[in-house]
Amino acid sequence: MIRIARADDAQAIHAIYAPTVTDTAITFETEWPGVEAMRQRILARLQHYPWLAWEEQGQVLAYAYATRFRERAAYDWIAETSIYVHADARRRGIARRLYAVLLDVMRLQGINQAVGVITLPGEISVALHEALGFESAGIWRSAGYKLQRWWDVGVWQKALQPAAHPPTPVTPFARMTDSNDLHELLRTPAS
């Protein structure tokens, strides 16, 4: 089932995220944030952007969220996306289905563009983004130093809907949680 993440998902979400912090360059975070910090991230992000969880038999197996791309107000209609899947749940199509729902929710909010930032080579992440219609928008060379080396970062971008002129304000996610349209999107079959 796909649902809105909750504060009490912090432990499960932290467990999914922690190995990417310690063992990979998928994220440039270098120290575990801790469960309480993850709880605060979830609560803070849900005020403005979606944070979704994939749950099976009471266990969170994946999560995806959007976040502010840049601080300037002119960037309000573009958001950066992230997705993480538990190691035991990969290669089942969960990422693709969860990410697609996240993009639909962002579109419903009025967000026009999604941006995925990928540590290269990142073949699996690149393939996922391109399968969902993202296009390469450039590379930041030697953008981050982690695990004793420099990493390039690729940027993938997807138009979610045409940009209106003038644009209407993006609806904060917290104002959408009772929306029938949102709940219809979340009912997307998980299998």
C-alpha atoms as a PDB file:
ATOM      1  CA  MET A   1       0.000   0.000   0.000  1.00  0.00           C
ATOM      2  CA  ILE A   2       1.154   3.530  -0.755  1.00  0.00           C
ATOM      3  CA  ARG A   3       0.377   6.042   1.954  1.00  0.00           C
ATOM      4  CA  ILE A   4       1.519   9.338   3.437  1.00  0.00           C
ATOM      5  CA  ALA A   5       4.524   8.849   5.706  1.00  0.00           C
ATOM      6  CA  ARG A   6       3.975   9.384   9.436  1.00  0.00           C
ATOM      7  CA  ALA A   7       6.258  10.453  12.259  1.00  0.00           C
ATOM      8  CA  ASP A   8       6.150   6.923  13.652  1.00  0.00           C
ATOM      9  CA  ASP A   9       7.728   5.661  10.402  1.00  0.00           C
ATOM     10  CA  ALA A  10      10.994   7.332  11.400  1.00  0.00           C
ATOM     11  CA  GLN A  11      12.613   4.136  12.723  1.00  0.00           C
ATOM     12  CA  ALA A  12      11.837   2.128   9.578  1.00  0.00           C
ATOM     13  CA  ILE A  13      12.809   4.989   7.278  1.00  0.00           C
ATOM     14  CA  HIS A  14      16.046   5.512   9.166  1.00  0.00           C
ATOM     15  CA  ALA A  15      16.840   1.787   8.825  1.00  0.00           C
ATOM     16  CA  ILE A  16      16.361   1.989   5.043  1.00  0.00           C
ATOM     17  CA  TYR A  17      18.425   5.162   4.750  1.00  0.00           C
ATOM     18  CA  ALA A  18      21.320   4.401   7.142  1.00  0.00           C
ATOM     19  CA  PRO A  19      23.210   1.931   4.880  1.00  0.00           C
ATOM     20  CA  THR A  20      23.256   4.476   2.047  1.00  0.00           C
ATOM     21  CA  VAL A  21      24.869   6.960   4.426  1.00  0.00           C
ATOM     22  CA  THR A  22      27.576   4.620   5.716  1.00  0.00           C
ATOM     23  CA  ASP A  23      28.249   2.371   2.739  1.00  0.00           C
ATOM     24  CA  THR A  24      27.523   4.330  -0.451  1.00  0.00           C
ATOM     25  CA  ALA A  25      27.763   7.683  -2.178  1.00  0.00           C
ATOM     26  CA  ILE A  26      24.078   7.578  -3.119  1.00  0.00           C
ATOM     27  CA  THR A  27      23.624  10.307  -0.529  1.00  0.00           C
ATOM     28  CA  PHE A  28      26.325  12.800   0.370  1.00  0.00           C
ATOM     29  CA  GLU A  29      25.232  12.771   3.981  1.00  0.00           C
ATOM     30  CA  THR A  30      28.177  11.286   5.881  1.00  0.00           C
ATOM     31  CA  GLU A  31      26.732  10.637   9.353  1.00  0.00           C
ATOM     32  CA  TRP A  32      23.499   8.962  10.351  1.00  0.00           C
ATOM     33  CA  PRO A  33      20.882  11.573  11.123  1.00  0.00           C
ATOM     34  CA  GLY A  34      19.332   9.486  13.911  1.00  0.00           C
ATOM     35  CA  VAL A  35      15.728   8.427  14.340  1.00  0.00           C
ATOM     36  CA  GLU A  36      14.574  11.643  16.024  1.00  0.00           C
ATOM     37  CA  ALA A  37      16.169  13.774  13.311  1.00  0.00           C
ATOM     38  CA  MET A  38      14.443  11.611  10.687  1.00  0.00           C
ATOM     39  CA  ARG A  39      11.128  12.083  12.489  1.00  0.00           C
ATOM     40  CA  GLN A  40      11.630  15.858  12.413  1.00  0.00           C
ATOM     41  CA  ARG A  41      12.524  15.734   8.700  1.00  0.00           C
ATOM     42  CA  ILE A  42       9.323  13.863   7.918  1.00  0.00           C
ATOM     43  CA  LEU A  43       7.137  16.263   9.893  1.00  0.00           C
ATOM     44  CA  ALA A  44       8.814  19.381   8.502  1.00  0.00           C
ATOM     45  CA  ARG A  45       8.775  18.227   4.899  1.00  0.00           C
ATOM     46  CA  LEU A  46       5.116  17.158   5.016  1.00  0.00           C
ATOM     47  CA  GLN A  47       4.113  20.767   5.610  1.00  0.00           C
ATOM     48  CA  HIS A  48       5.000  21.677   2.021  1.00  0.00           C
ATOM     49  CA  TYR A  49       5.879  18.538   0.043  1.00  0.00           C
ATOM     50  CA  PRO A  50       4.750  14.924  -0.189  1.00  0.00           C
ATOM     51  CA  TRP A  51       6.572  12.166   1.659  1.00  0.00           C
ATOM     52  CA  LEU A  52       5.127   8.773   0.743  1.00  0.00           C
ATOM     53  CA  ALA A  53       5.758   5.303   2.137  1.00  0.00           C
ATOM     54  CA  TRP A  54       5.328   1.857   0.578  1.00  0.00           C
ATOM     55  CA  GLU A  55       4.051  -0.528   3.236  1.00  0.00           C
ATOM     56  CA  GLU A  56       3.530  -4.278   3.089  1.00  0.00           C
ATOM     57  CA  GLN A  57       2.242  -6.341   6.022  1.00  0.00           C
ATOM     58  CA  GLY A  58       2.860  -3.440   8.393  1.00  0.00           C
ATOM     59  CA  GLN A  59       6.466  -2.902   7.280  1.00  0.00           C
ATOM     60  CA  VAL A  60       7.731   0.177   5.430  1.00  0.00           C
ATOM     61  CA  LEU A  61       9.807  -1.104   2.504  1.00  0.00           C
ATOM     62  CA  ALA A  62      10.391   2.142   0.611  1.00  0.00           C
ATOM     63  CA  TYR A  63       9.809   5.855   0.786  1.00  0.00           C
ATOM     64  CA  ALA A  64       9.870   8.759  -1.639  1.00  0.00           C
ATOM     65  CA  TYR A  65       9.623  12.469  -1.072  1.00  0.00           C
ATOM     66  CA  ALA A  66       9.938  15.866  -2.682  1.00  0.00           C
ATOM     67  CA  THR A  67      11.758  18.825  -1.241  1.00  0.00           C
ATOM     68  CA  ARG A  68      12.509  22.415  -2.088  1.00  0.00           C
ATOM     69  CA  PHE A  69      15.001  22.715  -4.949  1.00  0.00           C
ATOM     70  CA  ARG A  70      16.383  26.170  -4.088  1.00  0.00           C
ATOM     71  CA  GLU A  71      15.422  28.856  -1.598  1.00  0.00           C
ATOM     72  CA  ARG A  72      14.457  31.709  -3.947  1.00  0.00           C
ATOM     73  CA  ALA A  73      10.708  32.189  -4.476  1.00  0.00           C
ATOM     74  CA  ALA A  74      11.050  31.980  -8.258  1.00  0.00           C
ATOM     75  CA  TYR A  75      11.878  28.270  -7.808  1.00  0.00           C
ATOM     76  CA  ASP A  76       8.552  27.453  -6.113  1.00  0.00           C
ATOM     77  CA  TRP A  77       7.337  25.403  -9.083  1.00  0.00           C
ATOM     78  CA  ILE A  78      10.272  22.976  -9.189  1.00  0.00           C
ATOM     79  CA  ALA A  79      11.085  20.355  -6.546  1.00  0.00           C
ATOM     80  CA  GLU A  80      13.846  17.823  -5.994  1.00  0.00           C
ATOM     81  CA  THR A  81      12.827  14.198  -5.522  1.00  0.00           C
ATOM     82  CA  SER A  82      14.354  11.278  -3.642  1.00  0.00           C
ATOM     83  CA  ILE A  83      13.495   7.602  -3.267  1.00  0.00           C
ATOM     84  CA  TYR A  84      14.964   4.832  -1.137  1.00  0.00           C
ATOM     85  CA  VAL A  85      14.040   1.132  -1.127  1.00  0.00           C
ATOM     86  CA  HIS A  86      14.946  -1.422   1.539  1.00  0.00           C
ATOM     87  CA  ALA A  87      17.706  -3.748   0.285  1.00  0.00           C
ATOM     88  CA  ASP A  88      15.442  -6.805   0.637  1.00  0.00           C
ATOM     89  CA  ALA A  89      12.669  -5.227  -1.467  1.00  0.00           C
ATOM     90  CA  ARG A  90      14.630  -4.121  -4.524  1.00  0.00           C
ATOM     91  CA  ARG A  91      14.044  -5.352  -8.070  1.00  0.00           C
ATOM     92  CA  ARG A  92      10.291  -5.783  -7.509  1.00  0.00           C
ATOM     93  CA  GLY A  93       9.097  -2.614  -9.264  1.00  0.00           C
ATOM     94  CA  ILE A  94       8.346  -0.816  -5.992  1.00  0.00           C
ATOM     95  CA  ALA A  95      10.548   2.179  -6.809  1.00  0.00           C
ATOM     96  CA  ARG A  96       8.947   2.772 -10.178  1.00  0.00           C
ATOM     97  CA  ARG A  97       5.386   2.572  -8.861  1.00  0.00           C
ATOM     98  CA  LEU A  98       6.039   4.657  -5.747  1.00  0.00           C
ATOM     99  CA  TYR A  99       7.966   7.296  -7.685  1.00  0.00           C
ATOM    100  CA  ALA A 100       5.182   7.556 -10.288  1.00  0.00           C
ATOM    101  CA  VAL A 101       2.638   8.273  -7.554  1.00  0.00           C
ATOM    102  CA  LEU A 102       4.966  10.862  -5.997  1.00  0.00           C
ATOM    103  CA  LEU A 103       5.183  12.669  -9.351  1.00  0.00           C
ATOM    104  CA  ASP A 104       1.392  12.574  -9.720  1.00  0.00           C
ATOM    105  CA  VAL A 105       0.977  14.077  -6.245  1.00  0.00           C
ATOM    106  CA  MET A 106       3.462  16.825  -7.078  1.00  0.00           C
ATOM    107  CA  ARG A 107       1.504  17.577 -10.255  1.00  0.00           C
ATOM    108  CA  LEU A 108      -1.689  17.782  -8.199  1.00  0.00           C
ATOM    109  CA  GLN A 109       0.023  20.355  -5.944  1.00  0.00           C
ATOM    110  CA  GLY A 110       0.820  22.521  -8.965  1.00  0.00           C
ATOM    111  CA  ILE A 111       4.536  21.711  -9.178  1.00  0.00           C
ATOM    112  CA  ASN A 112       5.695  21.941 -12.808  1.00  0.00           C
ATOM    113  CA  GLN A 113       9.143  20.341 -12.719  1.00  0.00           C
ATOM    114  CA  ALA A 114      10.776  17.455 -10.849  1.00  0.00           C
ATOM    115  CA  VAL A 115      14.533  17.175 -10.499  1.00  0.00           C
ATOM    116  CA  GLY A 116      16.453  14.036  -9.599  1.00  0.00           C
ATOM    117  CA  VAL A 117      20.048  14.495  -8.449  1.00  0.00           C
ATOM    118  CA  ILE A 118      22.073  11.291  -8.904  1.00  0.00           C
ATOM    119  CA  THR A 119      25.583  10.382  -7.810  1.00  0.00           C
ATOM    120  CA  LEU A 120      27.264   8.957 -10.895  1.00  0.00           C
ATOM    121  CA  PRO A 121      27.597   6.413 -12.326  1.00  0.00           C
ATOM    122  CA  GLY A 122      24.311   5.434 -10.579  1.00  0.00           C
ATOM    123  CA  GLU A 123      23.107   3.150 -13.367  1.00  0.00           C
ATOM    124  CA  ILE A 124      20.048   1.863 -11.482  1.00  0.00           C
ATOM    125  CA  SER A 125      18.904   5.336 -10.497  1.00  0.00           C
ATOM    126  CA  VAL A 126      19.553   6.724 -13.970  1.00  0.00           C
ATOM    127  CA  ALA A 127      17.525   3.878 -15.504  1.00  0.00           C
ATOM    128  CA  LEU A 128      14.643   4.494 -13.080  1.00  0.00           C
ATOM    129  CA  HIS A 129      14.538   8.217 -13.808  1.00  0.00           C
ATOM    130  CA  GLU A 130      14.723   7.742 -17.567  1.00  0.00           C
ATOM    131  CA  ALA A 131      12.007   5.055 -17.464  1.00  0.00           C
ATOM    132  CA  LEU A 132       9.784   7.645 -15.773  1.00  0.00           C
ATOM    133  CA  GLY A 133      10.471  10.261 -18.453  1.00  0.00           C
ATOM    134  CA  PHE A 134      13.259  12.270 -16.837  1.00  0.00           C
ATOM    135  CA  GLU A 135      15.906  13.685 -19.162  1.00  0.00           C
ATOM    136  CA  SER A 136      19.533  14.411 -18.411  1.00  0.00           C
ATOM    137  CA  ALA A 137      20.000  18.104 -17.640  1.00  0.00           C
ATOM    138  CA  GLY A 138      23.719  18.173 -16.918  1.00  0.00           C
ATOM    139  CA  ILE A 139      26.567  16.985 -14.746  1.00  0.00           C
ATOM    140  CA  TRP A 140      28.268  18.650 -11.810  1.00  0.00           C
ATOM    141  CA  ARG A 141      31.892  17.432 -11.961  1.00  0.00           C
ATOM    142  CA  SER A 142      33.597  16.341  -8.723  1.00  0.00           C
ATOM    143  CA  ALA A 143      30.643  17.737  -6.796  1.00  0.00           C
ATOM    144  CA  GLY A 144      31.079  15.706  -3.621  1.00  0.00           C
ATOM    145  CA  TYR A 145      33.816  13.965  -1.683  1.00  0.00           C
ATOM    146  CA  LYS A 146      32.852  10.791   0.144  1.00  0.00           C
ATOM    147  CA  LEU A 147      34.369   7.357   0.734  1.00  0.00           C
ATOM    148  CA  GLN A 148      37.847   8.614  -0.116  1.00  0.00           C
ATOM    149  CA  ARG A 149      37.019   9.904  -3.596  1.00  0.00           C
ATOM    150  CA  TRP A 150      35.348  12.658  -5.609  1.00  0.00           C
ATOM    151  CA  TRP A 151      31.981  11.938  -7.226  1.00  0.00           C
ATOM    152  CA  ASP A 152      30.262  13.494 -10.212  1.00  0.00           C
ATOM    153  CA  VAL A 153      26.570  14.263  -9.838  1.00  0.00           C
ATOM    154  CA  GLY A 154      24.053  14.120 -12.665  1.00  0.00           C
ATOM    155  CA  VAL A 155      20.843  16.096 -12.778  1.00  0.00           C
ATOM    156  CA  TRP A 156      17.719  14.634 -14.389  1.00  0.00           C
ATOM    157  CA  GLN A 157      14.651  16.776 -14.992  1.00  0.00           C
ATOM    158  CA  LYS A 158      11.027  16.020 -15.840  1.00  0.00           C
ATOM    159  CA  ALA A 159       8.274  18.424 -16.814  1.00  0.00           C
ATOM    160  CA  LEU A 160       5.184  17.450 -14.852  1.00  0.00           C
ATOM    161  CA  GLN A 161       2.834  19.880 -16.574  1.00  0.00           C
ATOM    162  CA  PRO A 162       3.041  23.015 -18.707  1.00  0.00           C
ATOM    163  CA  ALA A 163       4.052  26.148 -16.865  1.00  0.00           C
ATOM    164  CA  ALA A 164       1.118  28.561 -16.550  1.00  0.00           C
ATOM    165  CA  HIS A 165       1.593  32.257 -17.132  1.00  0.00           C
ATOM    166  CA  PRO A 166       1.134  33.671 -14.600  1.00  0.00           C
ATOM    167  CA  PRO A 167       1.483  30.605 -12.356  1.00  0.00           C
ATOM    168  CA  THR A 168      -0.871  29.826  -9.536  1.00  0.00           C
ATOM    169  CA  PRO A 169       0.738  29.202  -6.134  1.00  0.00           C
ATOM    170  CA  VAL A 170       1.762  25.640  -5.345  1.00  0.00           C
ATOM    171  CA  THR A 171      -0.579  24.063  -2.805  1.00  0.00           C
ATOM    172  CA  PRO A 172       1.288  23.097   0.383  1.00  0.00           C
ATOM    173  CA  PHE A 173       1.009  19.353   0.895  1.00  0.00           C
ATOM    174  CA  ALA A 174      -0.416  19.765   4.419  1.00  0.00           C
ATOM    175  CA  ARG A 175      -3.479  21.444   2.890  1.00  0.00           C
ATOM    176  CA  MET A 176      -4.069  18.480   0.567  1.00  0.00           C
ATOM    177  CA  THR A 177      -4.195  15.596   3.018  1.00  0.00           C
ATOM    178  CA  ASP A 178      -8.008  15.465   3.003  1.00  0.00           C
ATOM    179  CA  SER A 179      -8.261  15.844  -0.773  1.00  0.00           C
ATOM    180  CA  ASN A 180     -10.251  13.176  -2.605  1.00  0.00           C
ATOM    181  CA  ASP A 181      -7.906  13.568  -5.569  1.00  0.00           C
ATOM    182  CA  LEU A 182      -4.898  12.816  -3.355  1.00  0.00           C
ATOM    183  CA  HIS A 183      -6.543   9.769  -1.800  1.00  0.00           C
ATOM    184  CA  GLU A 184      -7.471   8.499  -5.244  1.00  0.00           C
ATOM    185  CA  LEU A 185      -3.797   8.718  -6.287  1.00  0.00           C
ATOM    186  CA  LEU A 186      -2.730   6.863  -3.147  1.00  0.00           C
ATOM    187  CA  ARG A 187      -5.153   4.060  -3.982  1.00  0.00           C
ATOM    188  CA  THR A 188      -3.020   3.253  -7.018  1.00  0.00           C
ATOM    189  CA  PRO A 189      -2.579  -0.522  -6.940  1.00  0.00           C
ATOM    190  CA  ALA A 190       0.660  -1.437  -5.186  1.00  0.00           C
ATOM    191  CA  SER A 191       1.031  -4.667  -7.094  1.00  0.00           C
END
